[in-house]
Amino acid sequence: MFRRVLIANRGEIALRIIRACRELGVESALVVSEADRNAPWTEQADQVICVGPARADRSYLDANAILQAAEQAECQAIHPGYGFLAENALFAVRCEQQGISFIGPTSRAIRRMGDKAEAKRTMASAGLPTIPGSEGILHGADEARALAAEIGYPVLLKASAGGGGKGMRRCNAEKDLKQAYDQASLEAEKAFGNAALYLEKFLSGGRHIEFQVLCDTSGNAVHLGERECSIQRKHQKLFEEAPSPVVDEETRLTLGARVAQAAARFGYRNAGTVEFLRDEEGNFYFMEMNTRLQVEHPITEMVTGVDIVAEQLRIAANCPLSLRQDEIGFRGLAMEFRINAEDPDDGFRPDPGLIEAFTPPTAEEAGVTVRWDSAIRAGYRIPPHYDSMVGKLIVHGPDRETVLRGAEQALRGMRVEGVRTTIPLHLRLLGDEPFRRGKYDVNYLERSGLLAG
């Protein structure tokens, strides 16, 4: 095992990695920007190194500064968390070149799965079903128009190097395609430095369901079941639950095994998430693979009892997986509510600022466990430079109805004063009858009437 690990991230995920390091007897060195010098999570690290100004591109995204910090602190490995450099293949290469273990997959796997068109080809060759569409990147709007006419409208144009909804456009008819193609390509170029697009059939009523996998360096792979991530805004997740209300045990075990086999087949290592779109008929179609730790990993940890971050550290240290597939069980149900400092009734406008008062969530519902992954406290000023998520409320219990009651208690008991948050929206969601019955899809939030204005 490593003696010291550099954590190249901030906020709740930095704190989560620090905790896993401590439990394994590993020292933690933490990089911070000038804006985060005195942030609450820095108190938990064994060592703190400032790597630059508040702007992310001059601190958390500065690979030179991060690698210099790792050498300065004599770290054997770097954990990137999620976001920032977590899926940067060049950064992983540079870690490898400097003899520093990158706690994640190989640079080759990151590059392969980061190109969405290549990822689709790879998973199709491994036997996973894919959404009808282009086999690779498109070579212009004319090719997109011909393919859309063949598979039928509506279709989605998507950035090959993209994610988070950037570089994505839906086309309902041929007359929309040229403008949509130009807009998506321009947006992809600005966001990712890569204007390449691919095309997929748009599936209405789809549900976003993902499988968690762990792969070691000896070719062993396991899955930890699925998560439902269909409650989204602007193609970004707000709520997740595990297991999904629409996935039965046979599907979970069968598809999960296929996913693990596919990952092992192309030499994947460490933690990864394979994402599917499930149509109204129950068919699953591969969308993409995220080659990193997911924001929503805690709900999988709650239902399986597996510490995913600790497994990441062990795998990166060339240890075998600590458990076999037949040793993994699924207990109860867990939900995660992302608490963002933003106004959901004003287009989810970010609302950074001073937290004047804070009371963490609790619940008195019998059989319910509340987990609060966050680093905020009263007196902390949320900076405007980074993502608006400030915490994750995770609620685990024996069944969905019990968890729904416990989640409502926890959300109602929380106090985050001084900034607007997504708590009111989550409470409205919990009061929505179709949602309570598990009847939702990726477009549900927009048409539900739960968003004011």
Protein backbone atom coordinates (compact mmCIF):
# COMPACT_ATOMS: atom_id res chain seq x y z
CA MET A 1 0.00 0.00 0.00
CA PHE A 2 1.06 3.61 -0.60
CA ARG A 3 2.64 5.62 2.20
CA ARG A 4 1.23 8.98 1.04
CA VAL A 5 -1.38 9.94 -1.57
CA LEU A 6 -1.91 13.37 -3.14
CA ILE A 7 -5.59 14.35 -3.42
CA ALA A 8 -6.07 16.56 -6.48
CA ASN A 9 -9.58 17.78 -5.70
CA ARG A 10 -11.64 19.80 -3.26
CA GLY A 11 -14.80 19.86 -1.14
CA GLU A 12 -16.75 16.78 -0.16
CA ILE A 13 -14.89 14.37 -2.46
CA ALA A 14 -11.52 15.47 -1.07
CA LEU A 15 -12.85 14.76 2.42
CA ARG A 16 -14.18 11.37 1.29
CA ILE A 17 -10.78 10.34 -0.09
CA ILE A 18 -9.00 11.57 3.05
CA ARG A 19 -11.28 9.31 5.11
CA ALA A 20 -10.51 6.26 2.95
CA CYS A 21 -6.77 6.97 3.18
CA ARG A 22 -6.95 7.25 6.95
CA GLU A 23 -8.81 3.94 7.26
CA LEU A 24 -6.06 2.23 5.22
CA GLY A 25 -3.25 3.88 7.18
CA VAL A 26 -2.24 6.08 4.25
CA GLU A 27 -1.15 9.71 4.74
CA SER A 28 -2.98 12.35 2.71
CA ALA A 29 -1.53 15.42 1.03
CA LEU A 30 -4.12 17.84 -0.31
CA VAL A 31 -3.78 20.46 -3.03
CA VAL A 32 -5.78 23.68 -2.68
CA SER A 33 -6.26 26.90 -4.58
CA GLU A 34 -5.86 30.26 -2.87
CA ALA A 35 -9.67 30.39 -2.56
CA ASP A 36 -9.65 27.15 -0.55
CA ARG A 37 -6.67 27.78 1.74
CA ASN A 38 -8.83 27.84 4.88
CA ALA A 39 -11.70 25.66 3.71
CA PRO A 40 -13.13 23.20 6.27
CA TRP A 41 -11.89 20.05 4.54
CA THR A 42 -8.24 21.18 4.70
CA GLU A 43 -8.25 20.57 8.46
CA GLN A 44 -8.49 16.81 7.91
CA ALA A 45 -5.49 16.37 5.60
CA ASP A 46 -2.01 15.51 6.86
CA GLN A 47 -0.47 18.09 4.55
CA VAL A 48 -1.88 20.97 2.47
CA ILE A 49 -0.17 22.48 -0.58
CA CYS A 50 -1.41 25.59 -2.38
CA VAL A 51 -1.01 25.16 -6.14
CA GLY A 52 -2.33 28.44 -7.53
CA PRO A 53 -5.00 31.13 -7.71
CA ALA A 54 -8.75 30.61 -7.39
CA ARG A 55 -9.34 30.00 -11.09
CA ALA A 56 -9.45 26.26 -11.71
CA ASP A 57 -7.33 26.45 -14.87
CA ARG A 58 -4.53 27.96 -12.78
CA SER A 59 -4.82 25.55 -9.85
CA TYR A 60 -6.88 22.34 -9.88
CA LEU A 61 -6.50 21.96 -13.66
CA ASP A 62 -2.81 22.89 -13.72
CA ALA A 63 -1.14 19.52 -14.30
CA ASN A 64 2.35 20.94 -13.83
CA ALA A 65 1.46 22.37 -10.42
CA ILE A 66 -0.27 19.15 -9.33
CA LEU A 67 2.69 16.95 -10.32
CA GLN A 68 5.13 19.34 -8.66
CA ALA A 69 3.05 19.16 -5.47
CA ALA A 70 3.14 15.35 -5.60
CA GLU A 71 6.93 15.38 -5.86
CA GLN A 72 7.25 18.02 -3.16
CA ALA A 73 5.15 15.95 -0.76
CA GLU A 74 6.89 12.70 -1.77
CA CYS A 75 3.58 11.08 -2.76
CA GLN A 76 3.52 7.70 -4.46
CA ALA A 77 0.07 8.21 -6.00
CA ILE A 78 -2.49 10.84 -7.01
CA HIS A 79 -6.25 10.47 -6.55
CA PRO A 80 -8.06 12.92 -8.87
CA GLY A 81 -11.58 12.37 -7.47
CA TYR A 82 -14.07 13.39 -10.15
CA GLY A 83 -14.11 16.42 -12.44
CA PHE A 84 -10.95 18.48 -12.95
CA LEU A 85 -8.19 16.05 -14.10
CA ALA A 86 -10.01 12.79 -13.36
CA GLU A 87 -10.59 11.85 -17.01
CA ASN A 88 -7.59 13.61 -18.50
CA ALA A 89 -5.62 10.97 -20.41
CA LEU A 90 -2.57 13.22 -20.83
CA PHE A 91 -2.40 13.79 -17.09
CA ALA A 92 -2.55 10.03 -16.50
CA VAL A 93 0.32 9.60 -19.00
CA ARG A 94 2.42 12.19 -17.20
CA CYS A 95 1.80 10.45 -13.87
CA GLU A 96 2.97 7.18 -15.43
CA GLN A 97 6.06 8.88 -16.89
CA GLN A 98 7.03 10.32 -13.51
CA GLY A 99 6.55 7.01 -11.70
CA ILE A 100 3.47 8.21 -9.81
CA SER A 101 0.47 5.88 -9.63
CA PHE A 102 -2.66 7.43 -11.09
CA ILE A 103 -5.60 6.16 -9.02
CA GLY A 104 -7.84 5.37 -11.91
CA PRO A 105 -7.66 3.51 -15.23
CA THR A 106 -4.80 3.60 -17.70
CA SER A 107 -4.41 6.58 -20.00
CA ARG A 108 -5.29 4.26 -22.91
CA ALA A 109 -8.62 3.32 -21.33
CA ILE A 110 -9.42 6.96 -20.52
CA ARG A 111 -8.71 7.97 -24.11
CA ARG A 112 -10.65 5.06 -25.54
CA MET A 113 -13.76 5.64 -23.45
CA GLY A 114 -13.45 9.43 -23.59
CA ASP A 115 -14.08 9.27 -27.33
CA LYS A 116 -17.77 8.41 -27.25
CA ALA A 117 -17.79 7.03 -30.78
CA GLU A 118 -14.81 4.76 -30.04
CA ALA A 119 -16.40 3.71 -26.74
CA LYS A 120 -19.55 2.70 -28.57
CA ARG A 121 -17.55 0.56 -31.02
CA THR A 122 -15.57 -1.04 -28.18
CA MET A 123 -18.62 -2.00 -26.16
CA ALA A 124 -20.51 -3.22 -29.21
CA SER A 125 -17.58 -5.53 -30.01
CA ALA A 126 -17.77 -6.80 -26.41
CA GLY A 127 -21.42 -7.74 -26.92
CA LEU A 128 -23.23 -4.84 -25.22
CA PRO A 129 -26.26 -3.40 -27.08
CA THR A 130 -25.83 0.12 -28.43
CA ILE A 131 -28.28 2.80 -29.54
CA PRO A 132 -28.85 2.84 -33.34
CA GLY A 133 -26.78 5.58 -34.94
CA SER A 134 -23.44 6.37 -36.53
CA GLU A 135 -20.65 3.83 -36.16
CA GLY A 136 -18.09 6.58 -35.63
CA ILE A 137 -17.78 10.33 -35.89
CA LEU A 138 -19.75 12.18 -38.55
CA HIS A 139 -17.99 13.87 -41.45
CA GLY A 140 -20.48 16.66 -41.91
CA ALA A 141 -24.13 17.62 -41.79
CA ASP A 142 -24.87 15.80 -45.05
CA GLU A 143 -23.81 12.46 -43.58
CA ALA A 144 -25.87 13.20 -40.47
CA ARG A 145 -28.89 14.03 -42.64
CA ALA A 146 -28.61 10.78 -44.61
CA LEU A 147 -28.24 8.64 -41.49
CA ALA A 148 -31.13 10.39 -39.70
CA ALA A 149 -33.37 9.68 -42.70
CA GLU A 150 -32.37 6.02 -42.49
CA ILE A 151 -32.97 5.44 -38.75
CA GLY A 152 -35.83 7.93 -38.40
CA TYR A 153 -36.40 11.10 -36.39
CA PRO A 154 -36.03 12.29 -33.69
CA VAL A 155 -32.25 11.95 -33.38
CA LEU A 156 -29.55 13.31 -31.08
CA LEU A 157 -26.32 14.95 -32.21
CA LYS A 158 -23.70 14.44 -29.50
CA ALA A 159 -20.13 15.61 -28.98
CA SER A 160 -17.72 12.69 -29.37
CA ALA A 161 -15.46 14.12 -26.65
CA GLY A 162 -18.34 15.45 -24.59
CA GLY A 163 -20.41 15.05 -21.48
CA GLY A 164 -22.73 17.00 -19.21
CA GLY A 165 -25.07 17.86 -22.07
CA LYS A 166 -22.58 20.12 -23.86
CA GLY A 167 -22.41 19.71 -27.63
CA MET A 168 -25.77 17.95 -27.72
CA ARG A 169 -28.79 18.82 -29.85
CA ARG A 170 -32.07 17.03 -30.51
CA CYS A 171 -33.46 17.14 -34.05
CA ASN A 172 -37.11 16.35 -34.66
CA ALA A 173 -37.07 16.86 -38.43
CA GLU A 174 -34.68 17.25 -41.34
CA LYS A 175 -35.20 21.02 -41.45
CA ASP A 176 -33.63 21.30 -37.97
CA LEU A 177 -30.52 19.29 -38.68
CA LYS A 178 -28.09 21.70 -40.37
CA GLN A 179 -28.52 24.41 -37.74
CA ALA A 180 -28.38 21.88 -34.91
CA TYR A 181 -25.23 20.34 -36.36
CA ASP A 182 -23.46 23.69 -36.59
CA GLN A 183 -24.52 24.69 -33.06
CA ALA A 184 -23.51 21.38 -31.50
CA SER A 185 -20.17 21.33 -33.29
CA LEU A 186 -19.34 24.89 -32.22
CA GLU A 187 -20.32 24.19 -28.63
CA ALA A 188 -18.26 20.99 -28.59
CA GLU A 189 -15.22 22.84 -29.92
CA LYS A 190 -15.51 25.50 -27.22
CA ALA A 191 -16.14 23.05 -24.39
CA PHE A 192 -13.77 20.20 -25.27
CA GLY A 193 -11.44 21.49 -27.98
CA ASN A 194 -12.92 18.85 -30.28
CA ALA A 195 -15.79 19.63 -32.68
CA ALA A 196 -16.43 15.99 -33.70
CA LEU A 197 -20.02 14.76 -33.41
CA TYR A 198 -21.80 11.44 -33.65
CA LEU A 199 -25.51 10.70 -34.07
CA GLU A 200 -27.93 8.46 -32.19
CA LYS A 201 -31.61 7.66 -32.39
CA PHE A 202 -33.52 9.61 -29.73
CA LEU A 203 -35.42 7.20 -27.49
CA SER A 204 -38.43 8.79 -25.78
CA GLY A 205 -39.32 7.77 -22.25
CA GLY A 206 -35.76 6.61 -21.62
CA ARG A 207 -34.31 6.00 -18.17
CA HIS A 208 -30.66 6.59 -17.29
CA ILE A 209 -29.32 3.47 -15.57
CA GLU A 210 -25.66 2.82 -14.83
CA PHE A 211 -23.64 -0.13 -13.54
CA GLN A 212 -20.67 0.21 -11.20
CA VAL A 213 -17.66 -1.99 -11.94
CA LEU A 214 -14.34 -2.66 -10.23
CA CYS A 215 -11.43 -4.24 -12.11
CA ASP A 216 -8.00 -5.11 -10.73
CA THR A 217 -4.66 -5.35 -12.53
CA SER A 218 -4.89 -9.16 -12.81
CA GLY A 219 -7.97 -9.14 -15.04
CA ASN A 220 -10.53 -9.78 -12.31
CA ALA A 221 -13.75 -7.77 -12.54
CA VAL A 222 -16.94 -7.46 -10.51
CA HIS A 223 -20.08 -5.34 -10.72
CA LEU A 224 -21.83 -3.70 -7.79
CA GLY A 225 -25.27 -3.47 -9.34
CA GLU A 226 -27.02 -0.51 -10.88
CA ARG A 227 -28.00 3.05 -10.04
CA GLU A 228 -30.94 5.00 -11.47
CA CYS A 229 -29.94 8.56 -12.45
CA SER A 230 -32.94 9.76 -14.49
CA ILE A 231 -33.87 12.84 -12.43
CA GLN A 232 -31.75 15.45 -14.22
CA ARG A 233 -31.66 19.08 -15.13
CA LYS A 234 -29.87 20.21 -18.28
CA HIS A 235 -28.53 16.64 -18.66
CA GLN A 236 -26.93 16.83 -15.21
CA LYS A 237 -27.99 14.57 -12.37
CA LEU A 238 -29.83 15.83 -9.29
CA PHE A 239 -31.02 12.61 -7.67
CA GLU A 240 -30.01 8.95 -7.81
CA GLU A 241 -31.23 5.72 -6.26
CA ALA A 242 -30.01 2.14 -6.03
CA PRO A 243 -31.41 -0.23 -6.96
CA SER A 244 -33.54 1.14 -9.81
CA PRO A 245 -37.34 0.79 -9.45
CA VAL A 246 -37.49 -0.83 -12.92
CA VAL A 247 -34.61 -3.32 -12.80
CA ASP A 248 -35.39 -6.82 -11.55
CA GLU A 249 -32.85 -9.14 -9.93
CA GLU A 250 -32.36 -11.31 -13.00
CA THR A 251 -31.60 -8.29 -15.20
CA ARG A 252 -29.30 -6.85 -12.54
CA LEU A 253 -27.20 -9.99 -12.29
CA THR A 254 -27.22 -10.86 -15.99
CA LEU A 255 -26.49 -7.39 -17.40
CA GLY A 256 -24.09 -6.62 -14.55
CA ALA A 257 -22.05 -9.72 -15.38
CA ARG A 258 -21.93 -8.73 -19.06
CA VAL A 259 -20.75 -5.25 -18.12
CA ALA A 260 -17.97 -6.59 -15.89
CA GLN A 261 -16.88 -9.03 -18.61
CA ALA A 262 -16.83 -6.24 -21.21
CA ALA A 263 -14.65 -4.03 -19.00
CA ALA A 264 -12.24 -6.88 -18.28
CA ARG A 265 -12.12 -7.78 -21.96
CA PHE A 266 -10.50 -4.50 -23.01
CA GLY A 267 -8.16 -4.39 -20.01
CA TYR A 268 -9.93 -1.88 -17.81
CA ARG A 269 -8.68 -1.37 -14.26
CA ASN A 270 -9.91 0.47 -11.16
CA ALA A 271 -13.46 1.86 -10.73
CA GLY A 272 -15.66 2.65 -13.70
CA THR A 273 -19.31 3.20 -14.53
CA VAL A 274 -21.06 1.91 -17.62
CA GLU A 275 -24.13 3.97 -18.49
CA PHE A 276 -27.22 2.75 -20.31
CA LEU A 277 -30.45 4.19 -21.62
CA ARG A 278 -33.41 1.91 -20.93
CA ASP A 279 -36.34 2.38 -23.31
CA GLU A 280 -40.04 2.05 -22.50
CA GLU A 281 -40.00 -1.61 -23.59
CA GLY A 282 -37.23 -2.45 -21.13
CA ASN A 283 -34.37 -2.67 -23.65
CA PHE A 284 -30.95 -1.45 -22.50
CA TYR A 285 -28.59 0.48 -24.80
CA PHE A 286 -24.99 1.43 -23.95
CA MET A 287 -24.38 5.19 -23.87
CA GLU A 288 -20.93 5.77 -22.40
CA MET A 289 -18.41 4.72 -19.77
CA ASN A 290 -17.19 7.11 -17.10
CA THR A 291 -13.59 6.24 -16.28
CA ARG A 292 -13.57 7.62 -12.76
CA LEU A 293 -15.30 7.63 -9.41
CA GLN A 294 -18.89 8.84 -9.74
CA VAL A 295 -20.51 11.55 -7.60
CA GLU A 296 -23.26 9.06 -6.75
CA HIS A 297 -20.97 6.21 -5.61
CA PRO A 298 -22.21 6.41 -1.97
CA ILE A 299 -25.58 4.82 -2.71
CA THR A 300 -23.82 1.77 -4.14
CA GLU A 301 -21.62 1.64 -1.06
CA MET A 302 -24.70 1.72 1.16
CA VAL A 303 -26.52 -1.17 -0.55
CA THR A 304 -23.44 -3.38 -1.02
CA GLY A 305 -21.25 -2.48 1.97
CA VAL A 306 -18.28 -2.09 -0.38
CA ASP A 307 -15.94 0.88 0.18
CA ILE A 308 -15.36 1.87 -3.45
CA VAL A 309 -12.70 4.49 -2.69
CA ALA A 310 -10.71 2.04 -0.57
CA GLU A 311 -10.93 -0.47 -3.42
CA GLN A 312 -9.60 2.17 -5.80
CA LEU A 313 -6.57 2.70 -3.57
CA ARG A 314 -5.91 -1.04 -3.25
CA ILE A 315 -6.20 -1.66 -6.99
CA ALA A 316 -3.84 1.21 -7.80
CA ALA A 317 -1.36 -0.35 -5.35
CA ASN A 318 -1.57 -3.60 -7.40
CA CYS A 319 -3.60 -5.45 -4.79
CA PRO A 320 -6.23 -7.91 -6.03
CA LEU A 321 -9.93 -7.20 -5.57
CA SER A 322 -10.88 -7.87 -1.96
CA LEU A 323 -14.08 -9.72 -2.88
CA ARG A 324 -15.52 -12.07 -5.49
CA GLN A 325 -18.79 -11.56 -7.35
CA ASP A 326 -20.56 -14.24 -5.32
CA GLU A 327 -19.62 -12.39 -2.12
CA ILE A 328 -21.42 -9.19 -3.18
CA GLY A 329 -24.97 -8.83 -1.90
CA PHE A 330 -27.56 -6.08 -2.18
CA ARG A 331 -29.29 -4.84 0.98
CA GLY A 332 -32.25 -2.49 0.96
CA LEU A 333 -32.36 0.76 -1.02
CA ALA A 334 -30.43 4.03 -0.97
CA MET A 335 -31.14 7.47 -2.41
CA GLU A 336 -28.82 10.42 -2.97
CA PHE A 337 -29.98 14.04 -3.11
CA ARG A 338 -27.44 16.50 -4.48
CA ILE A 339 -27.53 19.71 -2.46
CA ASN A 340 -26.40 22.49 -4.78
CA ALA A 341 -25.97 26.15 -3.92
CA GLU A 342 -28.25 27.32 -6.71
CA ASP A 343 -31.79 28.53 -7.25
CA PRO A 344 -33.89 25.83 -8.97
CA ASP A 345 -36.68 28.35 -9.57
CA ASP A 346 -34.39 30.69 -11.50
CA GLY A 347 -32.97 28.31 -14.07
CA PHE A 348 -30.68 26.73 -11.45
CA ARG A 349 -28.66 29.92 -11.19
CA PRO A 350 -25.63 29.38 -8.90
CA ASP A 351 -25.89 31.20 -5.56
CA PRO A 352 -22.46 31.24 -3.88
CA GLY A 353 -22.00 33.15 -0.66
CA LEU A 354 -21.75 32.94 3.11
CA ILE A 355 -23.46 30.08 4.95
CA GLU A 356 -24.93 31.96 7.90
CA ALA A 357 -26.37 28.93 9.67
CA PHE A 358 -26.17 25.20 9.07
CA THR A 359 -27.87 22.19 10.65
CA PRO A 360 -26.94 18.77 9.20
CA PRO A 361 -29.66 16.29 8.21
CA THR A 362 -31.00 13.60 10.53
CA ALA A 363 -34.00 11.25 10.41
CA GLU A 364 -35.97 9.43 13.10
CA GLU A 365 -37.58 6.89 10.75
CA ALA A 366 -36.97 3.36 12.04
CA GLY A 367 -34.43 1.41 10.01
CA VAL A 368 -33.11 4.47 8.17
CA THR A 369 -29.45 5.47 8.01
CA VAL A 370 -28.56 9.04 7.02
CA ARG A 371 -25.14 9.79 5.53
CA TRP A 372 -24.09 13.37 4.85
CA ASP A 373 -21.09 13.73 2.53
CA SER A 374 -20.11 17.38 2.70
CA ALA A 375 -17.48 19.76 4.00
CA ILE A 376 -19.64 22.83 4.65
CA ARG A 377 -20.40 24.46 7.99
CA ALA A 378 -21.73 27.73 9.34
CA GLY A 379 -19.37 30.59 8.52
CA TYR A 380 -18.02 28.97 5.36
CA ARG A 381 -18.20 31.15 2.26
CA ILE A 382 -18.93 29.17 -0.89
CA PRO A 383 -16.65 30.53 -3.62
CA PRO A 384 -18.05 31.33 -7.08
CA HIS A 385 -15.24 29.66 -8.98
CA TYR A 386 -16.29 25.99 -8.87
CA ASP A 387 -19.19 23.58 -9.18
CA SER A 388 -22.21 24.54 -7.10
CA MET A 389 -22.66 21.19 -5.34
CA VAL A 390 -21.93 21.58 -1.62
CA GLY A 391 -23.11 18.24 -0.26
CA LYS A 392 -24.82 14.92 -0.83
CA LEU A 393 -27.60 13.58 1.38
CA ILE A 394 -27.64 9.79 1.25
CA VAL A 395 -30.49 7.88 2.88
CA HIS A 396 -30.52 4.07 3.22
CA GLY A 397 -33.29 1.82 4.44
CA PRO A 398 -34.97 -1.56 3.95
CA ASP A 399 -37.40 -0.47 1.20
CA ARG A 400 -38.30 2.48 -1.00
CA GLU A 401 -41.26 3.77 1.01
CA THR A 402 -39.25 3.79 4.24
CA VAL A 403 -36.40 5.63 2.54
CA LEU A 404 -38.78 8.20 1.07
CA ARG A 405 -40.14 8.97 4.55
CA GLY A 406 -36.67 9.17 6.05
CA ALA A 407 -35.43 11.40 3.25
CA GLU A 408 -38.28 13.84 3.77
CA GLN A 409 -37.49 14.04 7.49
CA ALA A 410 -33.83 14.63 6.77
CA LEU A 411 -34.45 17.34 4.18
CA ARG A 412 -36.98 19.15 6.35
CA GLY A 413 -34.57 19.14 9.25
CA MET A 414 -31.67 20.62 7.28
CA ARG A 415 -30.83 24.31 7.59
CA VAL A 416 -28.59 26.00 5.05
CA GLU A 417 -29.14 29.72 5.56
CA GLY A 418 -27.53 32.52 3.56
CA VAL A 419 -27.62 30.82 0.15
CA ARG A 420 -30.34 29.27 -1.95
CA THR A 421 -30.17 25.50 -2.41
CA THR A 422 -31.93 22.66 -4.19
CA ILE A 423 -33.52 21.44 -0.93
CA PRO A 424 -36.98 22.90 -1.76
CA LEU A 425 -36.97 21.16 -5.14
CA HIS A 426 -36.08 17.83 -3.55
CA LEU A 427 -38.97 18.23 -1.12
CA ARG A 428 -41.34 18.93 -3.99
CA LEU A 429 -40.01 15.85 -5.73
CA LEU A 430 -40.66 13.72 -2.66
CA GLY A 431 -44.25 14.96 -2.60
CA ASP A 432 -44.83 14.05 -6.24
CA GLU A 433 -46.97 10.91 -6.54
CA PRO A 434 -45.62 9.54 -9.87
CA PHE A 435 -42.06 9.94 -8.56
CA ARG A 436 -42.94 8.18 -5.31
CA ARG A 437 -44.19 5.25 -7.39
CA GLY A 438 -40.96 5.21 -9.41
CA LYS A 439 -42.71 6.43 -12.57
CA TYR A 440 -40.16 8.83 -14.06
CA ASP A 441 -37.65 9.13 -16.90
CA VAL A 442 -34.87 11.48 -18.03
CA ASN A 443 -37.32 14.17 -19.16
CA TYR A 444 -39.59 13.92 -16.14
CA LEU A 445 -38.40 16.99 -14.24
CA GLU A 446 -39.05 19.38 -17.13
CA ARG A 447 -42.62 18.20 -17.71
CA SER A 448 -43.57 17.47 -14.08
CA GLY A 449 -44.51 21.04 -13.13
CA LEU A 450 -42.13 20.89 -10.15
CA LEU A 451 -39.96 23.70 -11.48
CA ALA A 452 -41.42 27.15 -10.73
CA GLY A 453 -41.28 29.74 -13.48
